[in-house]
PDB file of N, CA and C in Angstrom:
ATOM      1  N   MET A   1       2.438 -21.806  10.679  1.00  0.00           N
ATOM      2  CA  MET A   1       3.504 -21.651  11.568  1.00  0.00           C
ATOM      3  C   MET A   1       3.395 -20.431  12.484  1.00  0.00           C
ATOM      4  N   TYR A   2       3.565 -19.325  11.984  1.00  0.00           N
ATOM      5  CA  TYR A   2       3.176 -18.036  12.835  1.00  0.00           C
ATOM      6  C   TYR A   2       2.024 -17.461  12.322  1.00  0.00           C
ATOM      7  N   VAL A   3       1.112 -16.968  13.325  1.00  0.00           N
ATOM      8  CA  VAL A   3      -0.211 -16.452  12.943  1.00  0.00           C
ATOM      9  C   VAL A   3      -0.223 -14.641  13.328  1.00  0.00           C
ATOM     10  N   ARG A   4       0.579 -14.263  14.323  1.00  0.00           N
ATOM     11  CA  ARG A   4       0.902 -12.899  14.575  1.00  0.00           C
ATOM     12  C   ARG A   4       2.141 -12.717  14.828  1.00  0.00           C
ATOM     13  N   ILE A   5       2.868 -11.768  14.311  1.00  0.00           N
ATOM     14  CA  ILE A   5       4.311 -11.298  14.307  1.00  0.00           C
ATOM     15  C   ILE A   5       4.522  -9.781  15.020  1.00  0.00           C
ATOM     16  N   LEU A   6       5.153  -9.735  15.936  1.00  0.00           N
ATOM     17  CA  LEU A   6       5.344  -8.396  16.467  1.00  0.00           C
ATOM     18  C   LEU A   6       6.837  -7.884  16.414  1.00  0.00           C
ATOM     19  N   VAL A   7       7.009  -6.917  15.803  1.00  0.00           N
ATOM     20  CA  VAL A   7       8.451  -6.461  15.619  1.00  0.00           C
ATOM     21  C   VAL A   7       8.631  -4.991  16.308  1.00  0.00           C
ATOM     22  N   GLY A   8       9.625  -4.801  17.075  1.00  0.00           N
ATOM     23  CA  GLY A   8      10.047  -3.559  17.454  1.00  0.00           C
ATOM     24  C   GLY A   8      11.003  -2.917  16.620  1.00  0.00           C
ATOM     25  N   THR A   9      10.999  -1.516  16.816  1.00  0.00           N
ATOM     26  CA  THR A   9      11.653  -0.682  16.016  1.00  0.00           C
ATOM     27  C   THR A   9      11.875   0.706  16.625  1.00  0.00           C
ATOM     28  N   ASP A  10      12.894   1.188  16.601  1.00  0.00           N
ATOM     29  CA  ASP A  10      13.182   2.705  17.092  1.00  0.00           C
ATOM     30  C   ASP A  10      13.575   3.561  16.056  1.00  0.00           C
ATOM     31  N   GLY A  11      13.286   3.121  14.822  1.00  0.00           N
ATOM     32  CA  GLY A  11      13.483   3.997  13.534  1.00  0.00           C
ATOM     33  C   GLY A  11      15.001   3.866  13.095  1.00  0.00           C
ATOM     34  N   SER A  12      15.818   3.386  13.589  1.00  0.00           N
ATOM     35  CA  SER A  12      17.284   3.382  13.279  1.00  0.00           C
ATOM     36  C   SER A  12      17.555   2.218  11.981  1.00  0.00           C
ATOM     37  N   ASP A  13      18.516   2.316  11.404  1.00  0.00           N
ATOM     38  CA  ASP A  13      18.855   1.497  10.066  1.00  0.00           C
ATOM     39  C   ASP A  13      18.848   0.160  10.732  1.00  0.00           C
ATOM     40  N   THR A  14      19.461  -0.202  11.770  1.00  0.00           N
ATOM     41  CA  THR A  14      19.434  -1.650  12.256  1.00  0.00           C
ATOM     42  C   THR A  14      18.343  -1.997  12.650  1.00  0.00           C
ATOM     43  N   ALA A  15      17.378  -1.313  13.127  1.00  0.00           N
ATOM     44  CA  ALA A  15      16.207  -1.950  13.669  1.00  0.00           C
ATOM     45  C   ALA A  15      15.408  -2.062  12.294  1.00  0.00           C
ATOM     46  N   GLY A  16      15.469  -1.188  11.312  1.00  0.00           N
ATOM     47  CA  GLY A  16      15.051  -1.713   9.875  1.00  0.00           C
ATOM     48  C   GLY A  16      15.153  -3.017   9.435  1.00  0.00           C
ATOM     49  N   LYS A  17      16.401  -3.558   9.488  1.00  0.00           N
ATOM     50  CA  LYS A  17      16.778  -4.956   9.074  1.00  0.00           C
ATOM     51  C   LYS A  17      15.715  -5.831   9.903  1.00  0.00           C
ATOM     52  N   ALA A  18      15.491  -5.534  11.251  1.00  0.00           N
ATOM     53  CA  ALA A  18      14.881  -6.559  11.832  1.00  0.00           C
ATOM     54  C   ALA A  18      13.219  -6.548  11.206  1.00  0.00           C
ATOM     55  N   VAL A  19      12.848  -5.244  11.163  1.00  0.00           N
ATOM     56  CA  VAL A  19      11.531  -5.089  10.640  1.00  0.00           C
ATOM     57  C   VAL A  19      11.353  -5.777   8.929  1.00  0.00           C
ATOM     58  N   GLU A  20      12.550  -5.578   8.286  1.00  0.00           N
ATOM     59  CA  GLU A  20      12.638  -6.218   7.128  1.00  0.00           C
ATOM     60  C   GLU A  20      12.558  -7.782   7.190  1.00  0.00           C
ATOM     61  N   ARG A  21      13.223  -8.563   8.203  1.00  0.00           N
ATOM     62  CA  ARG A  21      13.031  -9.921   8.321  1.00  0.00           C
ATOM     63  C   ARG A  21      11.733  -9.980   8.912  1.00  0.00           C
ATOM     64  N   ALA A  22      11.137  -9.430   9.665  1.00  0.00           N
ATOM     65  CA  ALA A  22       9.933  -9.745  10.326  1.00  0.00           C
ATOM     66  C   ALA A  22       8.957  -9.692   9.142  1.00  0.00           C
ATOM     67  N   ALA A  23       8.850  -8.535   8.189  1.00  0.00           N
ATOM     68  CA  ALA A  23       7.917  -8.541   7.040  1.00  0.00           C
ATOM     69  C   ALA A  23       8.271  -9.822   6.282  1.00  0.00           C
ATOM     70  N   ALA A  24       9.248 -10.237   5.909  1.00  0.00           N
ATOM     71  CA  ALA A  24       9.438 -11.526   4.938  1.00  0.00           C
ATOM     72  C   ALA A  24       9.045 -12.618   5.541  1.00  0.00           C
ATOM     73  N   LEU A  25       9.037 -12.894   7.041  1.00  0.00           N
ATOM     74  CA  LEU A  25       8.413 -14.145   7.724  1.00  0.00           C
ATOM     75  C   LEU A  25       7.079 -13.903   7.535  1.00  0.00           C
ATOM     76  N   ALA A  26       6.549 -12.772   7.797  1.00  0.00           N
ATOM     77  CA  ALA A  26       5.053 -12.577   7.859  1.00  0.00           C
ATOM     78  C   ALA A  26       4.403 -13.078   6.431  1.00  0.00           C
ATOM     79  N   LYS A  27       5.221 -12.410   5.604  1.00  0.00           N
ATOM     80  CA  LYS A  27       4.746 -13.097   4.128  1.00  0.00           C
ATOM     81  C   LYS A  27       4.755 -14.402   3.837  1.00  0.00           C
ATOM     82  N   ALA A  28       5.729 -15.143   4.218  1.00  0.00           N
ATOM     83  CA  ALA A  28       6.126 -16.585   4.083  1.00  0.00           C
ATOM     84  C   ALA A  28       5.292 -17.462   4.752  1.00  0.00           C
ATOM     85  N   THR A  29       4.672 -16.967   6.140  1.00  0.00           N
ATOM     86  CA  THR A  29       4.061 -17.654   7.076  1.00  0.00           C
ATOM     87  C   THR A  29       2.243 -17.299   6.844  1.00  0.00           C
ATOM     88  N   GLY A  30       2.034 -16.389   6.140  1.00  0.00           N
ATOM     89  CA  GLY A  30       0.856 -15.839   5.985  1.00  0.00           C
ATOM     90  C   GLY A  30       0.293 -15.062   7.331  1.00  0.00           C
ATOM     91  N   ALA A  31       1.237 -14.605   8.105  1.00  0.00           N
ATOM     92  CA  ALA A  31       0.902 -14.140   9.550  1.00  0.00           C
ATOM     93  C   ALA A  31       0.663 -12.608   9.188  1.00  0.00           C
ATOM     94  N   THR A  32       0.117 -11.997  10.352  1.00  0.00           N
ATOM     95  CA  THR A  32      -0.154 -10.497  10.293  1.00  0.00           C
ATOM     96  C   THR A  32       1.232  -9.894  11.029  1.00  0.00           C
ATOM     97  N   LEU A  33       1.590  -8.748  10.626  1.00  0.00           N
ATOM     98  CA  LEU A  33       2.684  -7.913  11.010  1.00  0.00           C
ATOM     99  C   LEU A  33       2.306  -6.921  11.788  1.00  0.00           C
ATOM    100  N   THR A  34       2.878  -6.861  13.125  1.00  0.00           N
ATOM    101  CA  THR A  34       2.452  -5.742  13.849  1.00  0.00           C
ATOM    102  C   THR A  34       3.777  -4.942  13.921  1.00  0.00           C
ATOM    103  N   ILE A  35       4.046  -3.670  13.617  1.00  0.00           N
ATOM    104  CA  ILE A  35       5.183  -2.917  13.735  1.00  0.00           C
ATOM    105  C   ILE A  35       4.884  -2.023  14.958  1.00  0.00           C
ATOM    106  N   ALA A  36       5.895  -2.004  15.967  1.00  0.00           N
ATOM    107  CA  ALA A  36       5.817  -1.186  17.298  1.00  0.00           C
ATOM    108  C   ALA A  36       6.828  -0.481  17.468  1.00  0.00           C
ATOM    109  N   SER A  37       6.682   0.711  18.397  1.00  0.00           N
ATOM    110  CA  SER A  37       7.604   1.583  18.619  1.00  0.00           C
ATOM    111  C   SER A  37       7.304   2.167  20.181  1.00  0.00           C
ATOM    112  N   ALA A  38       8.181   2.247  20.821  1.00  0.00           N
ATOM    113  CA  ALA A  38       7.725   3.011  22.144  1.00  0.00           C
ATOM    114  C   ALA A  38       8.868   4.218  22.217  1.00  0.00           C
ATOM    115  N   GLY A  39       8.391   5.223  23.023  1.00  0.00           N
ATOM    116  CA  GLY A  39       8.884   6.389  23.508  1.00  0.00           C
ATOM    117  C   GLY A  39       7.965   7.324  23.230  1.00  0.00           C
ATOM    118  N   ASP A  40       8.637   8.593  22.860  1.00  0.00           N
ATOM    119  CA  ASP A  40       7.825   9.984  22.419  1.00  0.00           C
ATOM    120  C   ASP A  40       6.924   9.657  21.305  1.00  0.00           C
ATOM    121  N   ILE A  41       5.598   9.916  21.931  1.00  0.00           N
ATOM    122  CA  ILE A  41       4.521   9.305  21.144  1.00  0.00           C
ATOM    123  C   ILE A  41       4.456  10.075  19.750  1.00  0.00           C
ATOM    124  N   THR A  42       5.043  11.301  19.574  1.00  0.00           N
ATOM    125  CA  THR A  42       5.042  11.822  18.301  1.00  0.00           C
ATOM    126  C   THR A  42       6.061  11.031  17.364  1.00  0.00           C
ATOM    127  N   TYR A  43       7.226  11.095  17.978  1.00  0.00           N
ATOM    128  CA  TYR A  43       8.237  10.237  17.172  1.00  0.00           C
ATOM    129  C   TYR A  43       7.892   8.877  16.911  1.00  0.00           C
ATOM    130  N   ALA A  44       7.536   8.059  17.801  1.00  0.00           N
ATOM    131  CA  ALA A  44       7.084   6.693  17.696  1.00  0.00           C
ATOM    132  C   ALA A  44       6.028   6.576  16.578  1.00  0.00           C
ATOM    133  N   GLN A  45       5.143   7.581  16.605  1.00  0.00           N
ATOM    134  CA  GLN A  45       4.136   7.222  15.599  1.00  0.00           C
ATOM    135  C   GLN A  45       4.773   7.555  14.055  1.00  0.00           C
ATOM    136  N   LYS A  46       5.476   8.409  13.995  1.00  0.00           N
ATOM    137  CA  LYS A  46       6.241   8.527  12.640  1.00  0.00           C
ATOM    138  C   LYS A  46       7.282   7.449  12.421  1.00  0.00           C
ATOM    139  N   VAL A  47       7.676   6.728  13.225  1.00  0.00           N
ATOM    140  CA  VAL A  47       8.512   5.712  12.940  1.00  0.00           C
ATOM    141  C   VAL A  47       7.777   4.433  12.435  1.00  0.00           C
ATOM    142  N   VAL A  48       6.484   4.243  13.039  1.00  0.00           N
ATOM    143  CA  VAL A  48       5.860   3.094  12.841  1.00  0.00           C
ATOM    144  C   VAL A  48       4.882   3.383  11.450  1.00  0.00           C
ATOM    145  N   ASP A  49       4.476   4.729  11.261  1.00  0.00           N
ATOM    146  CA  ASP A  49       3.834   4.925   9.925  1.00  0.00           C
ATOM    147  C   ASP A  49       4.906   4.640   8.810  1.00  0.00           C
ATOM    148  N   GLU A  50       6.201   5.113   9.074  1.00  0.00           N
ATOM    149  CA  GLU A  50       7.222   4.942   7.829  1.00  0.00           C
ATOM    150  C   GLU A  50       7.493   3.679   7.711  1.00  0.00           C
ATOM    151  N   ALA A  51       7.548   2.732   8.722  1.00  0.00           N
ATOM    152  CA  ALA A  51       8.043   1.396   8.513  1.00  0.00           C
ATOM    153  C   ALA A  51       6.798   0.596   7.763  1.00  0.00           C
ATOM    154  N   ALA A  52       5.474   1.031   8.251  1.00  0.00           N
ATOM    155  CA  ALA A  52       4.401   0.337   7.894  1.00  0.00           C
ATOM    156  C   ALA A  52       4.214   0.652   6.322  1.00  0.00           C
ATOM    157  N   ALA A  53       4.358   1.993   5.852  1.00  0.00           N
ATOM    158  CA  ALA A  53       4.325   2.481   4.416  1.00  0.00           C
ATOM    159  C   ALA A  53       5.377   1.414   3.420  1.00  0.00           C
ATOM    160  N   ARG A  54       6.501   1.277   3.878  1.00  0.00           N
ATOM    161  CA  ARG A  54       7.391   0.566   3.245  1.00  0.00           C
ATOM    162  C   ARG A  54       7.066  -0.810   3.178  1.00  0.00           C
ATOM    163  N   HIS A  55       6.214  -1.346   3.943  1.00  0.00           N
ATOM    164  CA  HIS A  55       5.976  -2.729   4.176  1.00  0.00           C
ATOM    165  C   HIS A  55       4.376  -3.077   3.729  1.00  0.00           C
ATOM    166  N   ARG A  56       3.618  -2.084   3.447  1.00  0.00           N
ATOM    167  CA  ARG A  56       2.167  -2.245   3.147  1.00  0.00           C
ATOM    168  C   ARG A  56       1.938  -3.265   1.997  1.00  0.00           C
ATOM    169  N   ASP A  57       2.762  -3.326   0.786  1.00  0.00           N
ATOM    170  CA  ASP A  57       2.768  -4.113  -0.178  1.00  0.00           C
ATOM    171  C   ASP A  57       3.579  -5.429  -0.113  1.00  0.00           C
ATOM    172  N   SER A  58       3.937  -5.698   0.981  1.00  0.00           N
ATOM    173  CA  SER A  58       4.858  -7.028   1.397  1.00  0.00           C
ATOM    174  C   SER A  58       4.111  -8.359   1.186  1.00  0.00           C
ATOM    175  N   GLY A  59       2.754  -8.113   1.091  1.00  0.00           N
ATOM    176  CA  GLY A  59       1.869  -9.391   1.024  1.00  0.00           C
ATOM    177  C   GLY A  59       1.625 -10.090   2.286  1.00  0.00           C
ATOM    178  N   ALA A  60       1.530  -9.222   3.077  1.00  0.00           N
ATOM    179  CA  ALA A  60       1.222  -9.583   4.752  1.00  0.00           C
ATOM    180  C   ALA A  60       0.518  -8.479   5.115  1.00  0.00           C
ATOM    181  N   PRO A  61      -0.447  -8.751   5.914  1.00  0.00           N
ATOM    182  CA  PRO A  61      -1.351  -7.507   6.473  1.00  0.00           C
ATOM    183  C   PRO A  61      -0.428  -6.785   7.632  1.00  0.00           C
ATOM    184  N   VAL A  62      -0.413  -5.518   7.531  1.00  0.00           N
ATOM    185  CA  VAL A  62       0.464  -4.802   8.351  1.00  0.00           C
ATOM    186  C   VAL A  62      -0.481  -3.833   9.516  1.00  0.00           C
ATOM    187  N   ASP A  63       0.010  -3.913  10.920  1.00  0.00           N
ATOM    188  CA  ASP A  63      -0.620  -3.061  11.762  1.00  0.00           C
ATOM    189  C   ASP A  63       0.494  -2.259  12.373  1.00  0.00           C
ATOM    190  N   THR A  64      -0.021  -1.180  13.058  1.00  0.00           N
ATOM    191  CA  THR A  64       1.215  -0.552  13.827  1.00  0.00           C
ATOM    192  C   THR A  64       0.662  -0.394  15.388  1.00  0.00           C
ATOM    193  N   LYS A  65       1.443  -0.138  16.215  1.00  0.00           N
ATOM    194  CA  LYS A  65       1.358   0.207  17.660  1.00  0.00           C
ATOM    195  C   LYS A  65       2.229   1.248  18.320  1.00  0.00           C
ATOM    196  N   VAL A  66       2.027   2.191  18.698  1.00  0.00           N
ATOM    197  CA  VAL A  66       2.589   2.956  19.435  1.00  0.00           C
ATOM    198  C   VAL A  66       2.547   2.621  20.978  1.00  0.00           C
ATOM    199  N   LEU A  67       3.809   2.417  21.757  1.00  0.00           N
ATOM    200  CA  LEU A  67       3.592   1.881  23.106  1.00  0.00           C
ATOM    201  C   LEU A  67       4.365   3.042  23.960  1.00  0.00           C
ATOM    202  N   SER A  68       3.773   2.907  25.328  1.00  0.00           N
ATOM    203  CA  SER A  68       4.551   4.049  26.107  1.00  0.00           C
ATOM    204  C   SER A  68       5.305   3.374  27.225  1.00  0.00           C
ATOM    205  N   GLY A  69       6.491   3.671  27.521  1.00  0.00           N
ATOM    206  CA  GLY A  69       7.327   3.039  28.415  1.00  0.00           C
ATOM    207  C   GLY A  69       8.558   2.517  27.997  1.00  0.00           C
ATOM    208  N   ASP A  70       9.288   2.035  28.568  1.00  0.00           N
ATOM    209  CA  ASP A  70      10.647   1.224  28.419  1.00  0.00           C
ATOM    210  C   ASP A  70      10.072   0.298  27.297  1.00  0.00           C
ATOM    211  N   PRO A  71      10.897   0.182  26.204  1.00  0.00           N
ATOM    212  CA  PRO A  71      10.806  -0.384  25.043  1.00  0.00           C
ATOM    213  C   PRO A  71      10.810  -2.046  25.300  1.00  0.00           C
ATOM    214  N   ALA A  72      11.570  -2.518  26.073  1.00  0.00           N
ATOM    215  CA  ALA A  72      11.763  -3.836  26.302  1.00  0.00           C
ATOM    216  C   ALA A  72      10.440  -4.454  27.032  1.00  0.00           C
ATOM    217  N   THR A  73      10.169  -3.637  28.191  1.00  0.00           N
ATOM    218  CA  THR A  73       8.975  -3.776  29.064  1.00  0.00           C
ATOM    219  C   THR A  73       7.845  -3.925  28.165  1.00  0.00           C
ATOM    220  N   THR A  74       7.542  -2.776  27.210  1.00  0.00           N
ATOM    221  CA  THR A  74       6.417  -2.644  26.508  1.00  0.00           C
ATOM    222  C   THR A  74       6.028  -3.519  25.564  1.00  0.00           C
ATOM    223  N   LEU A  75       7.365  -4.120  24.775  1.00  0.00           N
ATOM    224  CA  LEU A  75       7.300  -5.184  23.920  1.00  0.00           C
ATOM    225  C   LEU A  75       6.782  -6.545  24.409  1.00  0.00           C
ATOM    226  N   ILE A  76       7.405  -6.797  25.745  1.00  0.00           N
ATOM    227  CA  ILE A  76       6.971  -8.137  26.234  1.00  0.00           C
ATOM    228  C   ILE A  76       5.567  -8.038  26.692  1.00  0.00           C
ATOM    229  N   ASP A  77       4.964  -6.896  27.278  1.00  0.00           N
ATOM    230  CA  ASP A  77       3.677  -7.024  27.814  1.00  0.00           C
ATOM    231  C   ASP A  77       2.830  -6.738  26.595  1.00  0.00           C
ATOM    232  N   GLU A  78       3.211  -6.320  25.303  1.00  0.00           N
ATOM    233  CA  GLU A  78       2.384  -6.271  24.268  1.00  0.00           C
ATOM    234  C   GLU A  78       2.406  -7.821  23.565  1.00  0.00           C
ATOM    235  N   ALA A  79       3.452  -8.359  23.774  1.00  0.00           N
ATOM    236  CA  ALA A  79       3.556  -9.595  23.074  1.00  0.00           C
ATOM    237  C   ALA A  79       2.411 -10.631  23.929  1.00  0.00           C
ATOM    238  N   GLU A  80       2.421 -10.454  25.125  1.00  0.00           N
ATOM    239  CA  GLU A  80       1.759 -11.321  26.280  1.00  0.00           C
ATOM    240  C   GLU A  80       0.219 -11.029  26.079  1.00  0.00           C
ATOM    241  N   ALA A  81       0.033  -9.634  26.180  1.00  0.00           N
ATOM    242  CA  ALA A  81      -1.419  -9.349  26.332  1.00  0.00           C
ATOM    243  C   ALA A  81      -2.251  -9.673  25.000  1.00  0.00           C
ATOM    244  N   ASN A  82      -1.649  -9.575  23.883  1.00  0.00           N
ATOM    245  CA  ASN A  82      -2.277  -9.808  22.601  1.00  0.00           C
ATOM    246  C   ASN A  82      -1.909 -10.972  21.761  1.00  0.00           C
ATOM    247  N   GLY A  83      -1.506 -12.087  22.690  1.00  0.00           N
ATOM    248  CA  GLY A  83      -1.111 -13.283  21.997  1.00  0.00           C
ATOM    249  C   GLY A  83      -0.380 -13.436  20.678  1.00  0.00           C
ATOM    250  N   TYR A  84       0.800 -12.686  20.602  1.00  0.00           N
ATOM    251  CA  TYR A  84       1.450 -12.830  19.431  1.00  0.00           C
ATOM    252  C   TYR A  84       2.426 -14.153  19.552  1.00  0.00           C
ATOM    253  N   ASP A  85       2.758 -14.852  18.419  1.00  0.00           N
ATOM    254  CA  ASP A  85       3.660 -16.044  18.571  1.00  0.00           C
ATOM    255  C   ASP A  85       4.867 -15.798  18.184  1.00  0.00           C
ATOM    256  N   LEU A  86       5.292 -14.687  17.823  1.00  0.00           N
ATOM    257  CA  LEU A  86       6.537 -14.316  17.452  1.00  0.00           C
ATOM    258  C   LEU A  86       6.722 -12.954  17.808  1.00  0.00           C
ATOM    259  N   LEU A  87       8.022 -12.621  18.443  1.00  0.00           N
ATOM    260  CA  LEU A  87       8.496 -11.344  18.828  1.00  0.00           C
ATOM    261  C   LEU A  87       9.833 -11.123  17.928  1.00  0.00           C
ATOM    262  N   VAL A  88       9.868 -10.021  17.029  1.00  0.00           N
ATOM    263  CA  VAL A  88      11.286  -9.774  16.443  1.00  0.00           C
ATOM    264  C   VAL A  88      11.889  -8.587  16.978  1.00  0.00           C
ATOM    265  N   VAL A  89      13.293  -8.724  17.353  1.00  0.00           N
ATOM    266  CA  VAL A  89      13.941  -7.509  17.557  1.00  0.00           C
ATOM    267  C   VAL A  89      15.282  -7.390  16.940  1.00  0.00           C
ATOM    268  N   GLY A  90      15.989  -6.390  16.854  1.00  0.00           N
ATOM    269  CA  GLY A  90      17.204  -6.541  16.418  1.00  0.00           C
ATOM    270  C   GLY A  90      18.271  -6.563  17.463  1.00  0.00           C
ATOM    271  N   ASN A  91      19.486  -7.094  17.169  1.00  0.00           N
ATOM    272  CA  ASN A  91      20.336  -7.533  18.023  1.00  0.00           C
ATOM    273  C   ASN A  91      21.196  -6.136  18.818  1.00  0.00           C
ATOM    274  N   LYS A  92      21.137  -5.144  18.156  1.00  0.00           N
ATOM    275  CA  LYS A  92      21.524  -3.782  18.503  1.00  0.00           C
ATOM    276  C   LYS A  92      20.694  -2.804  18.089  1.00  0.00           C
ATOM    277  N   GLY A  93      20.725  -1.749  18.843  1.00  0.00           N
ATOM    278  CA  GLY A  93      19.939  -0.369  18.571  1.00  0.00           C
ATOM    279  C   GLY A  93      20.760   0.733  18.386  1.00  0.00           C
ATOM    280  N   MET A  94      20.400   1.766  18.675  1.00  0.00           N
ATOM    281  CA  MET A  94      21.010   3.166  18.422  1.00  0.00           C
ATOM    282  C   MET A  94      22.135   3.439  19.189  1.00  0.00           C
ATOM    283  N   THR A  95      22.248   2.631  20.179  1.00  0.00           N
ATOM    284  CA  THR A  95      23.155   2.822  21.248  1.00  0.00           C
ATOM    285  C   THR A  95      24.465   2.014  20.697  1.00  0.00           C
ATOM    286  N   GLY A  96      24.469   1.263  20.031  1.00  0.00           N
ATOM    287  CA  GLY A  96      25.761   0.728  19.337  1.00  0.00           C
ATOM    288  C   GLY A  96      26.541   0.007  20.183  1.00  0.00           C
ATOM    289  N   ALA A  97      25.888  -1.158  21.025  1.00  0.00           N
ATOM    290  CA  ALA A  97      26.600  -1.964  22.000  1.00  0.00           C
ATOM    291  C   ALA A  97      28.018  -2.694  21.373  1.00  0.00           C
ATOM    292  N   THR A  98      28.872  -2.906  22.086  1.00  0.00           N
ATOM    293  CA  THR A  98      30.068  -3.599  21.732  1.00  0.00           C
ATOM    294  C   THR A  98      29.622  -4.806  21.081  1.00  0.00           C
ATOM    295  N   ARG A  99      30.961  -5.266  20.319  1.00  0.00           N
ATOM    296  CA  ARG A  99      30.593  -6.507  19.502  1.00  0.00           C
ATOM    297  C   ARG A  99      29.985  -7.915  20.181  1.00  0.00           C
ATOM    298  N   PHE A 100      30.652  -8.155  21.385  1.00  0.00           N
ATOM    299  CA  PHE A 100      30.257  -9.232  21.986  1.00  0.00           C
ATOM    300  C   PHE A 100      29.000  -9.176  22.892  1.00  0.00           C
ATOM    301  N   PHE A 101      28.221  -8.115  22.959  1.00  0.00           N
ATOM    302  CA  PHE A 101      27.122  -8.016  23.648  1.00  0.00           C
ATOM    303  C   PHE A 101      25.788  -7.582  23.081  1.00  0.00           C
ATOM    304  N   LEU A 102      24.719  -8.215  23.367  1.00  0.00           N
ATOM    305  CA  LEU A 102      23.282  -7.710  22.802  1.00  0.00           C
ATOM    306  C   LEU A 102      23.108  -6.300  23.288  1.00  0.00           C
ATOM    307  N   GLY A 103      22.254  -5.565  22.450  1.00  0.00           N
ATOM    308  CA  GLY A 103      21.765  -4.418  22.996  1.00  0.00           C
ATOM    309  C   GLY A 103      21.144  -4.623  24.069  1.00  0.00           C
ATOM    310  N   SER A 104      20.667  -3.449  24.928  1.00  0.00           N
ATOM    311  CA  SER A 104      19.848  -3.377  26.340  1.00  0.00           C
ATOM    312  C   SER A 104      18.166  -4.018  25.953  1.00  0.00           C
ATOM    313  N   VAL A 105      17.809  -3.895  24.791  1.00  0.00           N
ATOM    314  CA  VAL A 105      16.317  -4.190  24.431  1.00  0.00           C
ATOM    315  C   VAL A 105      16.388  -5.797  24.087  1.00  0.00           C
ATOM    316  N   PRO A 106      17.071  -6.226  23.278  1.00  0.00           N
ATOM    317  CA  PRO A 106      17.068  -7.830  23.030  1.00  0.00           C
ATOM    318  C   PRO A 106      17.540  -8.606  24.120  1.00  0.00           C
ATOM    319  N   ASN A 107      18.435  -7.874  25.031  1.00  0.00           N
ATOM    320  CA  ASN A 107      18.869  -8.747  26.117  1.00  0.00           C
ATOM    321  C   ASN A 107      17.684  -8.960  27.193  1.00  0.00           C
ATOM    322  N   LYS A 108      16.952  -7.828  27.535  1.00  0.00           N
ATOM    323  CA  LYS A 108      15.973  -7.955  28.417  1.00  0.00           C
ATOM    324  C   LYS A 108      14.865  -8.906  27.979  1.00  0.00           C
ATOM    325  N   VAL A 109      14.457  -8.530  26.517  1.00  0.00           N
ATOM    326  CA  VAL A 109      13.362  -9.337  25.888  1.00  0.00           C
ATOM    327  C   VAL A 109      13.819 -10.666  25.879  1.00  0.00           C
ATOM    328  N   SER A 110      15.155 -11.124  25.831  1.00  0.00           N
ATOM    329  CA  SER A 110      15.457 -12.390  25.703  1.00  0.00           C
ATOM    330  C   SER A 110      15.216 -13.284  26.774  1.00  0.00           C
ATOM    331  N   HIS A 111      15.297 -12.755  28.034  1.00  0.00           N
ATOM    332  CA  HIS A 111      15.021 -13.334  29.399  1.00  0.00           C
ATOM    333  C   HIS A 111      13.420 -13.366  29.855  1.00  0.00           C
ATOM    334  N   HIS A 112      12.563 -12.516  28.906  1.00  0.00           N
ATOM    335  CA  HIS A 112      11.253 -12.623  29.471  1.00  0.00           C
ATOM    336  C   HIS A 112      10.079 -12.880  28.432  1.00  0.00           C
ATOM    337  N   ALA A 113      10.595 -13.185  27.127  1.00  0.00           N
ATOM    338  CA  ALA A 113       9.747 -13.221  26.024  1.00  0.00           C
ATOM    339  C   ALA A 113       8.732 -14.366  26.249  1.00  0.00           C
ATOM    340  N   PRO A 114       7.262 -13.893  26.274  1.00  0.00           N
ATOM    341  CA  PRO A 114       6.269 -14.654  26.248  1.00  0.00           C
ATOM    342  C   PRO A 114       5.971 -15.722  25.174  1.00  0.00           C
ATOM    343  N   CYS A 115       6.723 -15.775  24.145  1.00  0.00           N
ATOM    344  CA  CYS A 115       6.467 -16.095  22.980  1.00  0.00           C
ATOM    345  C   CYS A 115       7.879 -16.567  22.283  1.00  0.00           C
ATOM    346  N   ALA A 116       7.843 -17.201  20.965  1.00  0.00           N
ATOM    347  CA  ALA A 116       9.268 -17.115  20.528  1.00  0.00           C
ATOM    348  C   ALA A 116       9.738 -15.941  20.113  1.00  0.00           C
ATOM    349  N   LEU A 117      11.202 -15.885  20.045  1.00  0.00           N
ATOM    350  CA  LEU A 117      11.925 -14.690  19.715  1.00  0.00           C
ATOM    351  C   LEU A 117      12.983 -14.870  18.818  1.00  0.00           C
ATOM    352  N   LEU A 118      12.822 -13.955  18.046  1.00  0.00           N
ATOM    353  CA  LEU A 118      13.895 -13.969  16.801  1.00  0.00           C
ATOM    354  C   LEU A 118      14.572 -12.627  17.089  1.00  0.00           C
ATOM    355  N   ILE A 119      15.994 -12.677  17.284  1.00  0.00           N
ATOM    356  CA  ILE A 119      16.872 -11.533  17.300  1.00  0.00           C
ATOM    357  C   ILE A 119      17.601 -11.786  16.193  1.00  0.00           C
ATOM    358  N   VAL A 120      17.418 -10.459  15.076  1.00  0.00           N
ATOM    359  CA  VAL A 120      18.038 -10.436  13.857  1.00  0.00           C
ATOM    360  C   VAL A 120      19.298  -9.794  14.158  1.00  0.00           C
ATOM    361  N   ARG A 121      20.406 -10.460  13.478  1.00  0.00           N
ATOM    362  CA  ARG A 121      21.778  -9.694  13.356  1.00  0.00           C
ATOM    363  C   ARG A 121      21.767  -8.666  12.473  1.00  0.00           C
ATOM    364  N   THR A 122      21.857  -7.510  13.092  1.00  0.00           N
ATOM    365  CA  THR A 122      21.861  -6.193  12.242  1.00  0.00           C
ATOM    366  C   THR A 122      22.824  -5.434  12.117  1.00  0.00           C
ATOM    367  N   THR A 123      24.105  -5.795  12.669  1.00  0.00           N
ATOM    368  CA  THR A 123      25.265  -5.146  12.547  1.00  0.00           C
ATOM    369  C   THR A 123      26.271  -6.002  12.150  1.00  0.00           C
TER     370      THR A 123
END
């Protein structure tokens, strides 16, 4: 089903739920999981390292990526450039969008994802 799964996280509890779901899917399908974060390089590295440490024993190979730039754009570019078959994001991030709207990252990604997209309900 899936061979390569990319999940984006900003280190928030809500994004952690998306990482959990991506790890479970990777294990179930035998896919490789890549955990990515964009933004300040030092903070993003800490975020992906902590998330990877939590999922190293999940039963799926785990890789990390620190991306530079707008989170939505970098996730789309990464998914396209490296042939991921599934991109996973949470429905809301740290900004806590209102009840009836997606957060800015999942909203942008949903319009431009180059592969299958899973938006995990995190709130």
